[in-house]
Amino acid sequence: MPSGPGVIDDAAIRRIAAGAPRGVATFLLTSRTDPEEIAAQQRDAGADTLQLVDRLAPDALRGLRRLLPGVSLVQVVHVRGEDSVEEAVAAAPLVDAVLLDSGDPDLAVRQLGGTGRVHDWRHSRAIVERVDCPVYLAGGLRPANVATALRAVRPFGVDVCSGVRTDGRLDERLLRRFMRAARGGGNGRRPRAAGRSGSG
């Protein structure tokens, strides 16, 4: 991962995935874009859901489906304008869920998550209204704004990273505040039927 806190090594990923309770989806975040490399990484990690934090071409997404039957795919779309809506609409039929974040994959050092920035939620709401799969919202969420974000976007769920950290480490107090605020914000539409679609 070229950006964001919390990067861990492959051995730690394997331990976490193996130790997760039954019925809890395990997400492997990867910035790789080659289907063969991603498949090898997933097989090594043992996670049942891939969160693809960089853009993958439609052929690459189809290739992952063939290589990893039964593994859920979550495509991250970094919301930067109207073009992001079309990007999400194009990816949605090829994945189990879409996650909307606030990175910038076009920078020299690509920002693929963990920026702590909020994007324009109007574009996120447009994506929720146009795609037929679960949509997760990320990007600058924290206890003070998650309820507002849920009401504005109506996502299936939320993803949080920097908004519940203090000095780069997870902060239990902030996480509890975040969860209380999120419970007051309502929820979005139910997921379509999918083999092993995970939740965050």
N, C-alpha and C. Protein backbone atom coordinates (compact mmCIF):
# COMPACT_ATOMS: atom_id res chain seq x y z
N MET A 1 0.85 -1.19 0.00
CA MET A 1 0.00 0.00 0.00
C MET A 1 0.88 1.24 0.00
N PRO A 2 0.77 2.07 -1.02
CA PRO A 2 1.61 3.26 -1.06
C PRO A 2 1.15 4.38 -0.12
N SER A 3 -0.06 4.25 0.48
CA SER A 3 -0.54 5.29 1.38
C SER A 3 -1.39 4.67 2.47
N GLY A 4 -1.58 5.43 3.53
CA GLY A 4 -2.48 5.01 4.60
C GLY A 4 -1.78 4.29 5.73
N PRO A 5 -2.37 4.38 6.94
CA PRO A 5 -1.79 3.71 8.10
C PRO A 5 -2.18 2.25 8.16
N GLY A 6 -1.50 1.49 9.02
CA GLY A 6 -1.95 0.14 9.32
C GLY A 6 -1.48 -0.94 8.38
N VAL A 7 -0.46 -0.67 7.56
CA VAL A 7 0.05 -1.70 6.65
C VAL A 7 0.70 -2.80 7.49
N ILE A 8 0.35 -4.05 7.21
CA ILE A 8 0.92 -5.17 7.95
C ILE A 8 1.51 -6.17 6.97
N ASP A 9 2.42 -7.02 7.47
CA ASP A 9 3.11 -7.95 6.58
C ASP A 9 2.26 -9.21 6.32
N ASP A 10 2.69 -10.00 5.36
CA ASP A 10 1.92 -11.16 4.92
C ASP A 10 1.71 -12.18 6.04
N ALA A 11 2.71 -12.35 6.88
CA ALA A 11 2.57 -13.32 7.97
C ALA A 11 1.47 -12.89 8.94
N ALA A 12 1.41 -11.60 9.24
CA ALA A 12 0.36 -11.10 10.13
C ALA A 12 -1.02 -11.25 9.49
N ILE A 13 -1.09 -11.02 8.19
CA ILE A 13 -2.37 -11.18 7.48
C ILE A 13 -2.85 -12.62 7.60
N ARG A 14 -1.96 -13.57 7.38
CA ARG A 14 -2.34 -14.99 7.49
C ARG A 14 -2.85 -15.32 8.88
N ARG A 15 -2.17 -14.82 9.92
CA ARG A 15 -2.59 -15.11 11.29
C ARG A 15 -3.97 -14.53 11.59
N ILE A 16 -4.20 -13.31 11.16
CA ILE A 16 -5.49 -12.66 11.42
C ILE A 16 -6.61 -13.37 10.68
N ALA A 17 -6.39 -13.68 9.40
CA ALA A 17 -7.43 -14.36 8.62
C ALA A 17 -7.75 -15.73 9.21
N ALA A 18 -6.72 -16.45 9.63
CA ALA A 18 -6.94 -17.79 10.20
C ALA A 18 -7.64 -17.73 11.55
N GLY A 19 -7.45 -16.65 12.29
CA GLY A 19 -8.01 -16.56 13.63
C GLY A 19 -9.38 -15.91 13.70
N ALA A 20 -9.91 -15.45 12.57
CA ALA A 20 -11.22 -14.79 12.58
C ALA A 20 -12.32 -15.79 12.93
N PRO A 21 -13.29 -15.39 13.73
CA PRO A 21 -14.39 -16.30 14.07
C PRO A 21 -15.18 -16.71 12.84
N ARG A 22 -15.75 -17.87 12.89
CA ARG A 22 -16.59 -18.37 11.79
C ARG A 22 -17.72 -17.38 11.52
N GLY A 23 -17.98 -17.12 10.26
CA GLY A 23 -19.04 -16.20 9.88
C GLY A 23 -18.60 -14.74 9.76
N VAL A 24 -17.36 -14.43 10.13
CA VAL A 24 -16.85 -13.07 10.00
C VAL A 24 -16.02 -12.99 8.72
N ALA A 25 -16.40 -12.08 7.82
CA ALA A 25 -15.65 -11.93 6.57
C ALA A 25 -14.27 -11.36 6.86
N THR A 26 -13.27 -11.89 6.17
CA THR A 26 -11.91 -11.37 6.32
C THR A 26 -11.51 -10.68 5.02
N PHE A 27 -11.12 -9.41 5.14
CA PHE A 27 -10.81 -8.58 3.98
C PHE A 27 -9.30 -8.46 3.81
N LEU A 28 -8.82 -8.70 2.61
CA LEU A 28 -7.43 -8.44 2.25
C LEU A 28 -7.42 -7.23 1.34
N LEU A 29 -6.83 -6.12 1.81
CA LEU A 29 -6.69 -4.93 0.98
C LEU A 29 -5.42 -5.08 0.16
N THR A 30 -5.55 -4.91 -1.15
CA THR A 30 -4.39 -5.05 -2.02
C THR A 30 -4.36 -3.92 -3.05
N SER A 31 -3.15 -3.43 -3.30
CA SER A 31 -2.97 -2.41 -4.33
C SER A 31 -2.46 -3.02 -5.63
N ARG A 32 -2.33 -4.35 -5.66
CA ARG A 32 -1.89 -5.00 -6.89
C ARG A 32 -3.00 -4.94 -7.94
N THR A 33 -2.62 -4.99 -9.22
CA THR A 33 -3.61 -4.90 -10.29
C THR A 33 -3.54 -6.08 -11.26
N ASP A 34 -2.53 -6.92 -11.13
CA ASP A 34 -2.41 -8.09 -11.99
C ASP A 34 -3.20 -9.25 -11.38
N PRO A 35 -4.17 -9.83 -12.11
CA PRO A 35 -5.01 -10.88 -11.53
C PRO A 35 -4.24 -12.07 -10.98
N GLU A 36 -3.20 -12.50 -11.67
CA GLU A 36 -2.42 -13.65 -11.19
C GLU A 36 -1.72 -13.32 -9.87
N GLU A 37 -1.16 -12.12 -9.76
CA GLU A 37 -0.49 -11.72 -8.52
C GLU A 37 -1.48 -11.59 -7.38
N ILE A 38 -2.64 -11.01 -7.67
CA ILE A 38 -3.67 -10.85 -6.63
C ILE A 38 -4.15 -12.22 -6.16
N ALA A 39 -4.37 -13.14 -7.10
CA ALA A 39 -4.82 -14.48 -6.74
C ALA A 39 -3.80 -15.19 -5.86
N ALA A 40 -2.52 -15.05 -6.19
CA ALA A 40 -1.48 -15.67 -5.38
C ALA A 40 -1.45 -15.06 -3.98
N GLN A 41 -1.61 -13.75 -3.90
CA GLN A 41 -1.63 -13.07 -2.60
C GLN A 41 -2.82 -13.55 -1.77
N GLN A 42 -3.98 -13.67 -2.38
CA GLN A 42 -5.16 -14.13 -1.65
C GLN A 42 -5.00 -15.56 -1.16
N ARG A 43 -4.48 -16.42 -2.00
CA ARG A 43 -4.31 -17.82 -1.60
C ARG A 43 -3.33 -17.93 -0.42
N ASP A 44 -2.31 -17.10 -0.44
CA ASP A 44 -1.35 -17.10 0.66
C ASP A 44 -1.97 -16.57 1.95
N ALA A 45 -2.80 -15.52 1.82
CA ALA A 45 -3.38 -14.87 3.00
C ALA A 45 -4.54 -15.67 3.59
N GLY A 46 -5.34 -16.29 2.73
CA GLY A 46 -6.49 -17.04 3.21
C GLY A 46 -7.72 -16.19 3.49
N ALA A 47 -7.70 -14.90 3.15
CA ALA A 47 -8.88 -14.04 3.35
C ALA A 47 -9.96 -14.42 2.34
N ASP A 48 -11.23 -14.23 2.74
CA ASP A 48 -12.31 -14.62 1.82
C ASP A 48 -12.87 -13.46 1.02
N THR A 49 -12.35 -12.25 1.23
CA THR A 49 -12.80 -11.07 0.50
C THR A 49 -11.59 -10.24 0.09
N LEU A 50 -11.57 -9.81 -1.15
CA LEU A 50 -10.50 -8.95 -1.67
C LEU A 50 -11.04 -7.53 -1.82
N GLN A 51 -10.37 -6.57 -1.19
CA GLN A 51 -10.69 -5.17 -1.37
C GLN A 51 -9.63 -4.58 -2.29
N LEU A 52 -10.02 -4.29 -3.50
CA LEU A 52 -9.11 -3.85 -4.57
C LEU A 52 -9.02 -2.34 -4.52
N VAL A 53 -7.92 -1.81 -3.96
CA VAL A 53 -7.85 -0.39 -3.68
C VAL A 53 -7.39 0.44 -4.87
N ASP A 54 -6.93 -0.21 -5.93
CA ASP A 54 -6.57 0.48 -7.16
C ASP A 54 -7.55 0.06 -8.25
N ARG A 55 -7.58 0.81 -9.34
CA ARG A 55 -8.48 0.48 -10.45
C ARG A 55 -8.08 -0.82 -11.10
N LEU A 56 -9.06 -1.67 -11.37
CA LEU A 56 -8.81 -2.86 -12.18
C LEU A 56 -9.68 -2.77 -13.43
N ALA A 57 -9.10 -3.09 -14.55
CA ALA A 57 -9.85 -3.09 -15.80
C ALA A 57 -10.89 -4.20 -15.76
N PRO A 58 -11.97 -4.06 -16.52
CA PRO A 58 -13.01 -5.10 -16.54
C PRO A 58 -12.45 -6.50 -16.82
N ASP A 59 -11.51 -6.62 -17.76
CA ASP A 59 -10.94 -7.94 -18.06
C ASP A 59 -10.19 -8.51 -16.86
N ALA A 60 -9.55 -7.63 -16.08
CA ALA A 60 -8.84 -8.09 -14.89
C ALA A 60 -9.82 -8.58 -13.84
N LEU A 61 -10.94 -7.89 -13.68
CA LEU A 61 -11.96 -8.33 -12.72
C LEU A 61 -12.55 -9.68 -13.15
N ARG A 62 -12.80 -9.84 -14.43
CA ARG A 62 -13.31 -11.13 -14.91
C ARG A 62 -12.28 -12.24 -14.70
N GLY A 63 -11.00 -11.90 -14.91
CA GLY A 63 -9.93 -12.87 -14.68
C GLY A 63 -9.87 -13.30 -13.23
N LEU A 64 -10.05 -12.35 -12.30
CA LEU A 64 -10.06 -12.70 -10.88
C LEU A 64 -11.21 -13.63 -10.55
N ARG A 65 -12.36 -13.39 -11.13
CA ARG A 65 -13.52 -14.26 -10.92
C ARG A 65 -13.18 -15.70 -11.31
N ARG A 66 -12.51 -15.83 -12.46
CA ARG A 66 -12.16 -17.19 -12.92
C ARG A 66 -11.12 -17.83 -12.00
N LEU A 67 -10.15 -17.03 -11.55
CA LEU A 67 -9.06 -17.55 -10.73
C LEU A 67 -9.49 -17.85 -9.29
N LEU A 68 -10.46 -17.09 -8.79
CA LEU A 68 -10.84 -17.18 -7.38
C LEU A 68 -12.35 -17.35 -7.21
N PRO A 69 -12.90 -18.44 -7.68
CA PRO A 69 -14.34 -18.65 -7.48
C PRO A 69 -14.65 -18.74 -5.98
N GLY A 70 -15.71 -18.09 -5.57
CA GLY A 70 -16.10 -18.12 -4.16
C GLY A 70 -15.48 -17.04 -3.31
N VAL A 71 -14.51 -16.29 -3.84
CA VAL A 71 -13.91 -15.18 -3.11
C VAL A 71 -14.64 -13.89 -3.52
N SER A 72 -15.08 -13.12 -2.53
CA SER A 72 -15.80 -11.89 -2.81
C SER A 72 -14.84 -10.79 -3.26
N LEU A 73 -15.31 -9.96 -4.19
CA LEU A 73 -14.52 -8.85 -4.72
C LEU A 73 -15.19 -7.53 -4.36
N VAL A 74 -14.42 -6.63 -3.76
CA VAL A 74 -14.90 -5.29 -3.44
C VAL A 74 -13.99 -4.30 -4.17
N GLN A 75 -14.56 -3.60 -5.15
CA GLN A 75 -13.77 -2.63 -5.91
C GLN A 75 -13.86 -1.26 -5.27
N VAL A 76 -12.71 -0.67 -4.94
CA VAL A 76 -12.67 0.70 -4.41
C VAL A 76 -12.72 1.67 -5.58
N VAL A 77 -13.57 2.68 -5.45
CA VAL A 77 -13.63 3.78 -6.40
C VAL A 77 -13.30 5.05 -5.61
N HIS A 78 -12.27 5.77 -6.05
CA HIS A 78 -11.88 7.00 -5.38
C HIS A 78 -12.69 8.15 -6.00
N VAL A 79 -13.59 8.70 -5.22
CA VAL A 79 -14.59 9.65 -5.72
C VAL A 79 -13.96 11.04 -5.84
N ARG A 80 -13.84 11.47 -7.10
CA ARG A 80 -13.23 12.77 -7.36
C ARG A 80 -14.07 13.64 -8.29
N GLY A 81 -15.25 13.17 -8.67
CA GLY A 81 -16.11 13.95 -9.56
C GLY A 81 -17.11 13.05 -10.27
N GLU A 82 -17.76 13.63 -11.27
CA GLU A 82 -18.79 12.89 -12.02
C GLU A 82 -18.23 11.63 -12.67
N ASP A 83 -16.98 11.66 -13.11
CA ASP A 83 -16.40 10.48 -13.76
C ASP A 83 -16.37 9.28 -12.81
N SER A 84 -16.28 9.54 -11.53
CA SER A 84 -16.25 8.46 -10.55
C SER A 84 -17.58 7.71 -10.51
N VAL A 85 -18.67 8.42 -10.77
CA VAL A 85 -19.98 7.76 -10.81
C VAL A 85 -19.99 6.73 -11.92
N GLU A 86 -19.53 7.13 -13.10
CA GLU A 86 -19.51 6.19 -14.24
C GLU A 86 -18.54 5.04 -13.99
N GLU A 87 -17.42 5.32 -13.32
CA GLU A 87 -16.46 4.27 -12.99
C GLU A 87 -17.11 3.22 -12.09
N ALA A 88 -17.85 3.68 -11.10
CA ALA A 88 -18.53 2.75 -10.18
C ALA A 88 -19.61 1.96 -10.90
N VAL A 89 -20.37 2.62 -11.74
CA VAL A 89 -21.44 1.95 -12.49
C VAL A 89 -20.86 0.86 -13.39
N ALA A 90 -19.71 1.12 -14.00
CA ALA A 90 -19.08 0.13 -14.87
C ALA A 90 -18.54 -1.06 -14.09
N ALA A 91 -18.01 -0.81 -12.89
CA ALA A 91 -17.41 -1.90 -12.10
C ALA A 91 -18.45 -2.75 -11.39
N ALA A 92 -19.57 -2.16 -11.00
CA ALA A 92 -20.54 -2.83 -10.13
C ALA A 92 -21.01 -4.20 -10.61
N PRO A 93 -21.31 -4.41 -11.89
CA PRO A 93 -21.78 -5.73 -12.31
C PRO A 93 -20.71 -6.83 -12.22
N LEU A 94 -19.45 -6.43 -12.04
CA LEU A 94 -18.35 -7.39 -12.05
C LEU A 94 -17.84 -7.74 -10.66
N VAL A 95 -18.41 -7.11 -9.62
CA VAL A 95 -17.92 -7.31 -8.25
C VAL A 95 -19.10 -7.55 -7.30
N ASP A 96 -18.78 -7.90 -6.06
CA ASP A 96 -19.81 -8.12 -5.05
C ASP A 96 -20.20 -6.85 -4.33
N ALA A 97 -19.32 -5.86 -4.30
CA ALA A 97 -19.60 -4.59 -3.64
C ALA A 97 -18.64 -3.54 -4.17
N VAL A 98 -19.03 -2.28 -3.97
CA VAL A 98 -18.19 -1.14 -4.32
C VAL A 98 -17.94 -0.35 -3.04
N LEU A 99 -16.71 0.13 -2.87
CA LEU A 99 -16.36 0.94 -1.71
C LEU A 99 -15.88 2.30 -2.20
N LEU A 100 -16.49 3.36 -1.69
CA LEU A 100 -16.19 4.72 -2.14
C LEU A 100 -15.23 5.38 -1.17
N ASP A 101 -14.07 5.79 -1.68
CA ASP A 101 -13.03 6.38 -0.83
C ASP A 101 -12.59 7.71 -1.41
N SER A 102 -11.58 8.33 -0.80
CA SER A 102 -11.16 9.69 -1.14
C SER A 102 -9.70 9.78 -1.54
N GLY A 103 -9.17 8.74 -2.14
CA GLY A 103 -7.78 8.78 -2.57
C GLY A 103 -7.62 9.45 -3.92
N ASP A 104 -6.40 9.36 -4.43
CA ASP A 104 -6.10 9.90 -5.76
C ASP A 104 -5.06 8.98 -6.41
N PRO A 105 -5.54 8.00 -7.21
CA PRO A 105 -4.61 7.04 -7.83
C PRO A 105 -3.76 7.63 -8.94
N ASP A 106 -4.00 8.89 -9.32
CA ASP A 106 -3.24 9.49 -10.41
C ASP A 106 -2.03 10.29 -9.95
N LEU A 107 -1.82 10.42 -8.65
CA LEU A 107 -0.65 11.13 -8.15
C LEU A 107 0.62 10.30 -8.36
N ALA A 108 1.77 10.95 -8.31
CA ALA A 108 3.04 10.24 -8.47
C ALA A 108 3.19 9.16 -7.39
N VAL A 109 2.87 9.51 -6.14
CA VAL A 109 2.74 8.51 -5.08
C VAL A 109 1.24 8.34 -4.88
N ARG A 110 0.71 7.26 -5.42
CA ARG A 110 -0.74 7.07 -5.45
C ARG A 110 -1.33 7.04 -4.04
N GLN A 111 -2.42 7.76 -3.87
CA GLN A 111 -3.17 7.72 -2.61
C GLN A 111 -4.33 6.75 -2.81
N LEU A 112 -4.25 5.63 -2.12
CA LEU A 112 -5.24 4.56 -2.32
C LEU A 112 -6.01 4.24 -1.05
N GLY A 113 -6.06 5.19 -0.12
CA GLY A 113 -6.81 4.99 1.11
C GLY A 113 -6.08 5.59 2.30
N GLY A 114 -6.83 5.74 3.39
CA GLY A 114 -6.24 6.24 4.62
C GLY A 114 -5.85 7.70 4.57
N THR A 115 -6.49 8.50 3.70
CA THR A 115 -6.12 9.91 3.58
C THR A 115 -6.75 10.78 4.67
N GLY A 116 -7.86 10.33 5.23
CA GLY A 116 -8.57 11.15 6.20
C GLY A 116 -9.39 12.27 5.57
N ARG A 117 -9.49 12.28 4.23
CA ARG A 117 -10.24 13.33 3.53
C ARG A 117 -11.67 12.87 3.22
N VAL A 118 -12.58 13.81 3.29
CA VAL A 118 -13.97 13.59 2.89
C VAL A 118 -14.11 13.99 1.43
N HIS A 119 -14.83 13.17 0.66
CA HIS A 119 -15.11 13.57 -0.72
C HIS A 119 -16.54 14.12 -0.82
N ASP A 120 -16.96 14.47 -2.03
CA ASP A 120 -18.30 15.05 -2.24
C ASP A 120 -19.34 13.94 -2.16
N TRP A 121 -20.11 13.93 -1.08
CA TRP A 121 -21.08 12.86 -0.86
C TRP A 121 -22.23 12.87 -1.87
N ARG A 122 -22.41 13.96 -2.60
CA ARG A 122 -23.45 13.97 -3.64
C ARG A 122 -23.12 12.93 -4.72
N HIS A 123 -21.84 12.81 -5.06
CA HIS A 123 -21.45 11.80 -6.04
C HIS A 123 -21.64 10.40 -5.47
N SER A 124 -21.33 10.24 -4.19
CA SER A 124 -21.52 8.94 -3.55
C SER A 124 -22.99 8.54 -3.55
N ARG A 125 -23.87 9.48 -3.24
CA ARG A 125 -25.31 9.19 -3.24
C ARG A 125 -25.77 8.79 -4.64
N ALA A 126 -25.24 9.47 -5.66
CA ALA A 126 -25.61 9.12 -7.04
C ALA A 126 -25.19 7.70 -7.37
N ILE A 127 -24.02 7.28 -6.86
CA ILE A 127 -23.57 5.91 -7.09
C ILE A 127 -24.49 4.92 -6.40
N VAL A 128 -24.83 5.17 -5.14
CA VAL A 128 -25.75 4.29 -4.41
C VAL A 128 -27.05 4.12 -5.18
N GLU A 129 -27.55 5.20 -5.76
CA GLU A 129 -28.83 5.16 -6.46
C GLU A 129 -28.74 4.44 -7.81
N ARG A 130 -27.54 4.34 -8.38
CA ARG A 130 -27.42 3.78 -9.73
C ARG A 130 -26.90 2.36 -9.80
N VAL A 131 -26.26 1.86 -8.75
CA VAL A 131 -25.69 0.51 -8.84
C VAL A 131 -26.55 -0.50 -8.11
N ASP A 132 -26.43 -1.76 -8.53
CA ASP A 132 -27.24 -2.83 -7.96
C ASP A 132 -26.37 -3.79 -7.15
N CYS A 133 -25.57 -3.22 -6.27
CA CYS A 133 -24.76 -4.03 -5.36
C CYS A 133 -24.54 -3.21 -4.11
N PRO A 134 -24.11 -3.82 -3.01
CA PRO A 134 -23.83 -3.04 -1.80
C PRO A 134 -22.75 -1.99 -2.05
N VAL A 135 -22.94 -0.82 -1.46
CA VAL A 135 -21.97 0.26 -1.56
C VAL A 135 -21.54 0.64 -0.14
N TYR A 136 -20.24 0.57 0.09
CA TYR A 136 -19.66 1.00 1.37
C TYR A 136 -19.10 2.40 1.19
N LEU A 137 -19.22 3.21 2.23
CA LEU A 137 -18.69 4.57 2.20
C LEU A 137 -17.47 4.67 3.10
N ALA A 138 -16.40 5.24 2.59
CA ALA A 138 -15.18 5.51 3.35
C ALA A 138 -14.75 6.93 3.02
N GLY A 139 -13.64 7.35 3.59
CA GLY A 139 -13.08 8.65 3.25
C GLY A 139 -13.38 9.71 4.30
N GLY A 140 -12.48 9.88 5.26
CA GLY A 140 -12.61 10.95 6.23
C GLY A 140 -13.73 10.78 7.23
N LEU A 141 -14.24 9.57 7.38
CA LEU A 141 -15.31 9.35 8.36
C LEU A 141 -14.73 9.32 9.76
N ARG A 142 -15.48 9.89 10.70
CA ARG A 142 -15.07 9.95 12.10
C ARG A 142 -16.34 10.07 12.94
N PRO A 143 -16.22 9.99 14.26
CA PRO A 143 -17.42 10.05 15.09
C PRO A 143 -18.30 11.27 14.83
N ALA A 144 -17.69 12.41 14.53
CA ALA A 144 -18.45 13.66 14.38
C ALA A 144 -19.25 13.74 13.09
N ASN A 145 -18.91 12.93 12.07
CA ASN A 145 -19.61 13.10 10.79
C ASN A 145 -20.24 11.82 10.24
N VAL A 146 -20.07 10.68 10.90
CA VAL A 146 -20.55 9.44 10.30
C VAL A 146 -22.07 9.39 10.22
N ALA A 147 -22.79 9.90 11.20
CA ALA A 147 -24.25 9.88 11.14
C ALA A 147 -24.75 10.75 9.99
N THR A 148 -24.14 11.91 9.81
CA THR A 148 -24.50 12.79 8.69
C THR A 148 -24.21 12.11 7.36
N ALA A 149 -23.07 11.43 7.28
CA ALA A 149 -22.69 10.73 6.05
C ALA A 149 -23.70 9.63 5.72
N LEU A 150 -24.11 8.88 6.72
CA LEU A 150 -25.08 7.81 6.50
C LEU A 150 -26.40 8.36 5.99
N ARG A 151 -26.86 9.46 6.56
CA ARG A 151 -28.12 10.05 6.11
C ARG A 151 -27.99 10.62 4.70
N ALA A 152 -26.84 11.20 4.38
CA ALA A 152 -26.65 11.84 3.07
C ALA A 152 -26.48 10.83 1.95
N VAL A 153 -25.78 9.74 2.21
CA VAL A 153 -25.40 8.80 1.15
C VAL A 153 -26.28 7.56 1.13
N ARG A 154 -26.73 7.10 2.29
CA ARG A 154 -27.50 5.86 2.43
C ARG A 154 -26.72 4.64 1.94
N PRO A 155 -25.48 4.48 2.37
CA PRO A 155 -24.69 3.33 1.93
C PRO A 155 -25.14 2.06 2.64
N PHE A 156 -24.69 0.93 2.14
CA PHE A 156 -24.92 -0.36 2.79
C PHE A 156 -24.16 -0.43 4.11
N GLY A 157 -22.96 0.16 4.13
CA GLY A 157 -22.12 0.16 5.33
C GLY A 157 -21.03 1.20 5.20
N VAL A 158 -20.22 1.31 6.24
CA VAL A 158 -19.13 2.28 6.24
C VAL A 158 -17.81 1.58 6.54
N ASP A 159 -16.74 2.23 6.15
CA ASP A 159 -15.38 1.74 6.36
C ASP A 159 -14.60 2.89 6.98
N VAL A 160 -13.91 2.63 8.08
CA VAL A 160 -13.20 3.70 8.77
C VAL A 160 -11.77 3.28 9.03
N CYS A 161 -10.86 4.23 8.95
CA CYS A 161 -9.44 3.95 9.21
C CYS A 161 -8.86 5.07 10.07
N SER A 162 -8.48 6.17 9.45
CA SER A 162 -7.79 7.23 10.19
C SER A 162 -8.69 7.92 11.21
N GLY A 163 -10.00 7.89 11.00
CA GLY A 163 -10.93 8.59 11.89
C GLY A 163 -11.08 7.99 13.27
N VAL A 164 -10.52 6.81 13.49
CA VAL A 164 -10.58 6.19 14.82
C VAL A 164 -9.17 5.86 15.32
N ARG A 165 -8.22 6.71 14.95
CA ARG A 165 -6.83 6.53 15.37
C ARG A 165 -6.34 7.76 16.12
N THR A 166 -5.47 7.51 17.08
CA THR A 166 -4.76 8.58 17.78
C THR A 166 -3.27 8.28 17.67
N ASP A 167 -2.51 9.24 17.17
CA ASP A 167 -1.07 9.04 16.95
C ASP A 167 -0.81 7.79 16.11
N GLY A 168 -1.67 7.55 15.12
CA GLY A 168 -1.48 6.45 14.18
C GLY A 168 -1.95 5.09 14.67
N ARG A 169 -2.42 5.01 15.91
CA ARG A 169 -2.85 3.72 16.45
C ARG A 169 -4.36 3.73 16.69
N LEU A 170 -5.00 2.55 16.53
CA LEU A 170 -6.42 2.45 16.80
C LEU A 170 -6.70 2.90 18.23
N ASP A 171 -7.77 3.67 18.37
CA ASP A 171 -8.16 4.25 19.66
C ASP A 171 -9.53 3.69 20.02
N GLU A 172 -9.57 2.85 21.05
CA GLU A 172 -10.83 2.19 21.43
C GLU A 172 -11.92 3.20 21.77
N ARG A 173 -11.55 4.29 22.44
CA ARG A 173 -12.54 5.30 22.79
C ARG A 173 -13.17 5.92 21.55
N LEU A 174 -12.35 6.26 20.55
CA LEU A 174 -12.88 6.82 19.30
C LEU A 174 -13.72 5.79 18.55
N LEU A 175 -13.28 4.54 18.56
CA LEU A 175 -14.03 3.50 17.87
C LEU A 175 -15.41 3.34 18.49
N ARG A 176 -15.51 3.36 19.81
CA ARG A 176 -16.81 3.24 20.48
C ARG A 176 -17.70 4.43 20.13
N ARG A 177 -17.13 5.64 20.13
CA ARG A 177 -17.91 6.83 19.76
C ARG A 177 -18.39 6.72 18.31
N PHE A 178 -17.52 6.23 17.44
CA PHE A 178 -17.89 6.07 16.04
C PHE A 178 -19.07 5.11 15.90
N MET A 179 -19.01 3.97 16.60
CA MET A 179 -20.06 2.98 16.50
C MET A 179 -21.39 3.52 17.03
N ARG A 180 -21.35 4.26 18.14
CA ARG A 180 -22.58 4.85 18.67
C ARG A 180 -23.18 5.84 17.66
N ALA A 181 -22.33 6.68 17.08
CA ALA A 181 -22.82 7.66 16.11
C ALA A 181 -23.36 6.98 14.86
N ALA A 182 -22.69 5.92 14.41
CA ALA A 182 -23.15 5.22 13.20
C ALA A 182 -24.51 4.57 13.42
N ARG A 183 -24.73 4.03 14.61
CA ARG A 183 -26.03 3.41 14.89
C ARG A 183 -27.16 4.41 14.78
N GLY A 184 -26.87 5.68 15.03
CA GLY A 184 -27.90 6.71 14.95
C GLY A 184 -28.11 7.27 13.56
N GLY A 185 -27.31 6.81 12.59
CA GLY A 185 -27.36 7.39 11.26
C GLY A 185 -28.22 6.66 10.26
N GLY A 186 -28.84 5.54 10.63
CA GLY A 186 -29.66 4.79 9.68
C GLY A 186 -28.82 3.86 8.83
N ASN A 187 -29.47 3.07 7.99
CA ASN A 187 -28.74 2.15 7.12
C ASN A 187 -29.29 2.23 5.70
N GLY A 188 -28.52 1.68 4.78
CA GLY A 188 -28.88 1.73 3.37
C GLY A 188 -29.62 0.50 2.92
N ARG A 189 -29.64 0.30 1.62
CA ARG A 189 -30.39 -0.83 1.07
C ARG A 189 -29.73 -2.16 1.38
N ARG A 190 -30.50 -3.20 1.30
CA ARG A 190 -29.99 -4.54 1.60
C ARG A 190 -29.16 -5.04 0.42
N PRO A 191 -28.19 -5.94 0.69
CA PRO A 191 -27.35 -6.43 -0.40
C PRO A 191 -28.10 -7.38 -1.32
N ARG A 192 -27.65 -7.42 -2.58
CA ARG A 192 -28.19 -8.42 -3.50
C ARG A 192 -27.67 -9.78 -3.06
N ALA A 193 -28.30 -10.83 -3.55
CA ALA A 193 -27.83 -12.16 -3.24
C ALA A 193 -26.49 -12.38 -3.93
N ALA A 194 -25.50 -12.79 -3.16
CA ALA A 194 -24.18 -13.06 -3.71
C ALA A 194 -23.55 -14.18 -2.92
N GLY A 195 -22.68 -14.92 -3.57
CA GLY A 195 -22.09 -16.11 -2.97
C GLY A 195 -21.57 -15.89 -1.57
N ARG A 196 -20.56 -15.03 -1.42
CA ARG A 196 -19.95 -14.83 -0.12
C ARG A 196 -19.64 -13.36 0.08
N SER A 197 -20.59 -12.52 -0.21
CA SER A 197 -20.34 -11.09 -0.08
C SER A 197 -20.10 -10.74 1.37
N GLY A 198 -18.96 -10.06 1.63
CA GLY A 198 -18.58 -9.76 3.00
C GLY A 198 -19.14 -8.43 3.45
N SER A 199 -18.92 -8.11 4.70
CA SER A 199 -19.33 -6.82 5.24
C SER A 199 -18.17 -6.23 6.04
N GLY A 200 -18.16 -4.90 6.12
CA GLY A 200 -17.07 -4.22 6.81
C GLY A 200 -17.51 -3.59 8.08
